[in-house]
Amino acid sequence: MQQALGRARCDGTAYVFANRRRTRLKVVCWDGTDLWMCLRRLHRGQFVWPEAEDACWQMSAEQLQWLVTGVDWERLCASAPAQWPL
């Protein structure tokens, strides 16, 4: 994180990385005393990953929870369509 992103590893931020197929996530976080890492794998489907050119983006804690669960977290804050199709 320090070399690739230029960010301090012990700033309390959780860093999430995905593989190319987006079937696995790696979460790295500093908890105040030590650095820990958590891995998550989907057996079916893919994690919804932002299509951004930037190497870093910010997410809320709720969005991170939905991402790790495998739910499309980008749709959680989308407004409802004006007319629901019947």
N, C-alpha and C. Protein backbone atom coordinates (compact mmCIF):
# COMPACT_ATOMS: atom_id res chain seq x y z
N MET A 1 0.82 -1.19 0.00
CA MET A 1 0.00 0.00 0.00
C MET A 1 0.86 1.24 0.00
N GLN A 2 1.95 1.19 0.76
CA GLN A 2 2.82 2.35 0.81
C GLN A 2 3.50 2.58 -0.53
N GLN A 3 3.97 1.53 -1.17
CA GLN A 3 4.68 1.69 -2.43
C GLN A 3 3.74 1.91 -3.60
N ALA A 4 2.69 1.11 -3.71
CA ALA A 4 1.81 1.20 -4.87
C ALA A 4 0.85 2.39 -4.81
N LEU A 5 0.31 2.67 -3.63
CA LEU A 5 -0.70 3.71 -3.52
C LEU A 5 -0.20 4.99 -2.85
N GLY A 6 0.96 4.92 -2.21
CA GLY A 6 1.49 6.09 -1.52
C GLY A 6 0.71 6.44 -0.28
N ARG A 7 0.10 5.45 0.36
CA ARG A 7 -0.72 5.68 1.55
C ARG A 7 -0.10 4.94 2.73
N ALA A 8 -0.25 5.48 3.92
CA ALA A 8 0.26 4.83 5.13
C ALA A 8 -0.61 3.63 5.47
N ARG A 9 0.01 2.53 5.84
CA ARG A 9 -0.75 1.31 6.13
C ARG A 9 -1.44 1.36 7.48
N CYS A 10 -1.01 2.23 8.36
CA CYS A 10 -1.58 2.26 9.72
C CYS A 10 -2.46 3.49 9.95
N ASP A 11 -3.17 3.92 8.92
CA ASP A 11 -4.05 5.09 9.07
C ASP A 11 -5.49 4.71 9.42
N GLY A 12 -5.78 3.43 9.64
CA GLY A 12 -7.11 2.98 10.02
C GLY A 12 -8.03 2.70 8.85
N THR A 13 -7.52 2.82 7.64
CA THR A 13 -8.31 2.58 6.45
C THR A 13 -8.28 1.10 6.10
N ALA A 14 -9.41 0.56 5.66
CA ALA A 14 -9.46 -0.81 5.15
C ALA A 14 -9.21 -0.74 3.64
N TYR A 15 -8.29 -1.54 3.16
CA TYR A 15 -7.96 -1.59 1.74
C TYR A 15 -8.48 -2.90 1.18
N VAL A 16 -9.20 -2.81 0.05
CA VAL A 16 -9.81 -3.98 -0.56
C VAL A 16 -9.22 -4.16 -1.94
N PHE A 17 -8.82 -5.38 -2.23
CA PHE A 17 -8.24 -5.73 -3.53
C PHE A 17 -9.03 -6.91 -4.10
N ALA A 18 -9.18 -6.95 -5.43
CA ALA A 18 -9.88 -8.04 -6.09
C ALA A 18 -8.97 -8.66 -7.15
N ASN A 19 -9.19 -9.94 -7.43
CA ASN A 19 -8.45 -10.57 -8.51
C ASN A 19 -9.08 -10.18 -9.85
N ARG A 20 -8.48 -10.57 -10.95
CA ARG A 20 -8.96 -10.15 -12.27
C ARG A 20 -10.37 -10.65 -12.57
N ARG A 21 -10.68 -11.87 -12.15
CA ARG A 21 -12.01 -12.43 -12.40
C ARG A 21 -13.06 -11.91 -11.42
N ARG A 22 -12.62 -11.19 -10.41
CA ARG A 22 -13.49 -10.61 -9.37
C ARG A 22 -14.26 -11.69 -8.61
N THR A 23 -13.63 -12.82 -8.41
CA THR A 23 -14.23 -13.88 -7.62
C THR A 23 -13.64 -13.94 -6.22
N ARG A 24 -12.57 -13.20 -5.98
CA ARG A 24 -11.92 -13.18 -4.68
C ARG A 24 -11.62 -11.75 -4.26
N LEU A 25 -11.79 -11.51 -2.96
CA LEU A 25 -11.44 -10.21 -2.37
C LEU A 25 -10.43 -10.42 -1.27
N LYS A 26 -9.59 -9.43 -1.10
CA LYS A 26 -8.63 -9.41 0.01
C LYS A 26 -8.81 -8.06 0.70
N VAL A 27 -9.08 -8.09 2.00
CA VAL A 27 -9.25 -6.88 2.79
C VAL A 27 -8.07 -6.78 3.75
N VAL A 28 -7.37 -5.67 3.73
CA VAL A 28 -6.22 -5.44 4.60
C VAL A 28 -6.52 -4.21 5.44
N CYS A 29 -6.33 -4.33 6.76
CA CYS A 29 -6.67 -3.23 7.66
C CYS A 29 -5.75 -3.22 8.86
N TRP A 30 -5.46 -2.04 9.37
CA TRP A 30 -4.70 -1.85 10.60
C TRP A 30 -5.71 -1.63 11.71
N ASP A 31 -5.67 -2.46 12.76
CA ASP A 31 -6.66 -2.35 13.84
C ASP A 31 -6.15 -1.60 15.05
N GLY A 32 -5.00 -0.96 14.95
CA GLY A 32 -4.45 -0.19 16.06
C GLY A 32 -3.25 -0.86 16.70
N THR A 33 -3.20 -2.18 16.60
CA THR A 33 -2.05 -2.90 17.16
C THR A 33 -1.32 -3.73 16.12
N ASP A 34 -2.04 -4.16 15.10
CA ASP A 34 -1.41 -5.03 14.12
C ASP A 34 -2.16 -4.93 12.79
N LEU A 35 -1.53 -5.40 11.74
CA LEU A 35 -2.11 -5.44 10.42
C LEU A 35 -2.77 -6.80 10.23
N TRP A 36 -4.02 -6.84 9.75
CA TRP A 36 -4.67 -8.12 9.52
C TRP A 36 -5.23 -8.16 8.11
N MET A 37 -5.42 -9.39 7.62
CA MET A 37 -5.90 -9.59 6.26
C MET A 37 -7.01 -10.63 6.28
N CYS A 38 -8.03 -10.39 5.50
CA CYS A 38 -9.16 -11.29 5.39
C CYS A 38 -9.38 -11.59 3.92
N LEU A 39 -9.63 -12.85 3.59
CA LEU A 39 -9.88 -13.26 2.22
C LEU A 39 -11.33 -13.72 2.10
N ARG A 40 -11.95 -13.43 0.95
CA ARG A 40 -13.32 -13.85 0.71
C ARG A 40 -13.42 -14.34 -0.72
N ARG A 41 -14.10 -15.46 -0.94
CA ARG A 41 -14.23 -16.02 -2.28
C ARG A 41 -15.69 -16.33 -2.57
N LEU A 42 -16.13 -16.02 -3.78
CA LEU A 42 -17.46 -16.38 -4.22
C LEU A 42 -17.37 -17.66 -5.04
N HIS A 43 -18.25 -18.59 -4.79
CA HIS A 43 -18.27 -19.84 -5.56
C HIS A 43 -19.01 -19.66 -6.87
N ARG A 44 -19.98 -18.73 -6.88
CA ARG A 44 -20.71 -18.40 -8.10
C ARG A 44 -20.79 -16.89 -8.25
N GLY A 45 -20.74 -16.42 -9.47
CA GLY A 45 -20.85 -15.00 -9.73
C GLY A 45 -19.56 -14.24 -9.46
N GLN A 46 -19.68 -12.93 -9.45
CA GLN A 46 -18.53 -12.05 -9.25
C GLN A 46 -18.90 -10.95 -8.27
N PHE A 47 -17.88 -10.43 -7.61
CA PHE A 47 -18.07 -9.25 -6.78
C PHE A 47 -18.28 -8.05 -7.70
N VAL A 48 -19.14 -7.12 -7.30
CA VAL A 48 -19.37 -5.91 -8.07
C VAL A 48 -18.24 -4.95 -7.73
N TRP A 49 -17.45 -4.62 -8.73
CA TRP A 49 -16.27 -3.79 -8.54
C TRP A 49 -16.42 -2.53 -9.36
N PRO A 50 -16.10 -1.36 -8.81
CA PRO A 50 -16.25 -0.11 -9.56
C PRO A 50 -15.38 -0.09 -10.82
N GLU A 51 -15.91 0.45 -11.88
CA GLU A 51 -15.17 0.61 -13.12
C GLU A 51 -14.56 2.01 -13.14
N ALA A 52 -13.54 2.20 -12.36
CA ALA A 52 -12.91 3.52 -12.26
C ALA A 52 -11.48 3.46 -12.75
N GLU A 53 -11.01 4.55 -13.28
CA GLU A 53 -9.62 4.62 -13.73
C GLU A 53 -8.68 4.86 -12.57
N ASP A 54 -9.18 5.42 -11.49
CA ASP A 54 -8.35 5.69 -10.32
C ASP A 54 -8.00 4.40 -9.60
N ALA A 55 -6.85 4.39 -8.96
CA ALA A 55 -6.44 3.22 -8.19
C ALA A 55 -7.18 3.16 -6.86
N CYS A 56 -7.70 4.29 -6.39
CA CYS A 56 -8.36 4.34 -5.07
C CYS A 56 -9.72 5.01 -5.19
N TRP A 57 -10.68 4.52 -4.41
CA TRP A 57 -11.95 5.20 -4.21
C TRP A 57 -12.33 5.03 -2.77
N GLN A 58 -13.33 5.79 -2.35
CA GLN A 58 -13.81 5.70 -0.98
C GLN A 58 -15.19 5.06 -0.98
N MET A 59 -15.43 4.25 0.05
CA MET A 59 -16.72 3.60 0.24
C MET A 59 -17.15 3.82 1.67
N SER A 60 -18.45 3.82 1.89
CA SER A 60 -18.94 3.86 3.26
C SER A 60 -18.83 2.47 3.88
N ALA A 61 -18.97 2.39 5.18
CA ALA A 61 -18.90 1.09 5.85
C ALA A 61 -20.03 0.19 5.37
N GLU A 62 -21.20 0.76 5.11
CA GLU A 62 -22.33 -0.04 4.62
C GLU A 62 -22.05 -0.59 3.23
N GLN A 63 -21.47 0.23 2.35
CA GLN A 63 -21.13 -0.23 1.01
C GLN A 63 -20.08 -1.34 1.06
N LEU A 64 -19.10 -1.20 1.94
CA LEU A 64 -18.09 -2.24 2.09
C LEU A 64 -18.71 -3.54 2.56
N GLN A 65 -19.65 -3.46 3.50
CA GLN A 65 -20.32 -4.66 3.99
C GLN A 65 -21.06 -5.36 2.87
N TRP A 66 -21.78 -4.60 2.04
CA TRP A 66 -22.51 -5.20 0.93
C TRP A 66 -21.55 -5.76 -0.12
N LEU A 67 -20.45 -5.08 -0.39
CA LEU A 67 -19.46 -5.57 -1.35
C LEU A 67 -18.92 -6.93 -0.91
N VAL A 68 -18.50 -7.03 0.34
CA VAL A 68 -17.94 -8.28 0.86
C VAL A 68 -18.98 -9.39 0.86
N THR A 69 -20.24 -9.04 1.03
CA THR A 69 -21.32 -10.03 1.01
C THR A 69 -21.58 -10.56 -0.40
N GLY A 70 -21.20 -9.78 -1.41
CA GLY A 70 -21.41 -10.19 -2.79
C GLY A 70 -22.63 -9.55 -3.43
N VAL A 71 -23.21 -8.56 -2.76
CA VAL A 71 -24.40 -7.87 -3.27
C VAL A 71 -23.95 -6.66 -4.10
N ASP A 72 -24.75 -6.30 -5.11
CA ASP A 72 -24.44 -5.13 -5.93
C ASP A 72 -24.62 -3.87 -5.09
N TRP A 73 -23.56 -3.42 -4.46
CA TRP A 73 -23.59 -2.29 -3.53
C TRP A 73 -23.86 -0.97 -4.25
N GLU A 74 -23.59 -0.88 -5.55
CA GLU A 74 -23.82 0.37 -6.28
C GLU A 74 -25.31 0.65 -6.45
N ARG A 75 -26.14 -0.37 -6.43
CA ARG A 75 -27.58 -0.20 -6.60
C ARG A 75 -28.27 0.20 -5.30
N LEU A 76 -27.58 0.09 -4.17
CA LEU A 76 -28.20 0.42 -2.89
C LEU A 76 -28.55 1.89 -2.77
N CYS A 77 -27.75 2.75 -3.41
CA CYS A 77 -28.01 4.19 -3.30
C CYS A 77 -28.65 4.75 -4.56
N ALA A 78 -29.04 3.90 -5.50
CA ALA A 78 -29.69 4.38 -6.73
C ALA A 78 -31.13 4.76 -6.44
N SER A 79 -31.59 5.79 -7.10
CA SER A 79 -32.98 6.20 -6.89
C SER A 79 -33.91 5.24 -7.63
N ALA A 80 -35.12 5.10 -7.11
CA ALA A 80 -36.11 4.22 -7.74
C ALA A 80 -36.57 4.82 -9.05
N PRO A 81 -36.87 3.98 -10.04
CA PRO A 81 -37.35 4.53 -11.30
C PRO A 81 -38.70 5.23 -11.11
N ALA A 82 -38.98 6.21 -11.97
CA ALA A 82 -40.20 6.99 -11.85
C ALA A 82 -41.43 6.10 -12.01
N GLN A 83 -41.36 5.17 -12.94
CA GLN A 83 -42.49 4.25 -13.16
C GLN A 83 -41.95 2.83 -13.11
N TRP A 84 -42.54 2.04 -12.29
CA TRP A 84 -42.14 0.63 -12.20
C TRP A 84 -42.76 -0.13 -13.35
N PRO A 85 -41.98 -0.92 -14.08
CA PRO A 85 -42.56 -1.69 -15.18
C PRO A 85 -43.48 -2.79 -14.66
N LEU A 86 -44.58 -3.01 -15.32
CA LEU A 86 -45.54 -4.04 -14.92
C LEU A 86 -45.38 -5.27 -15.76
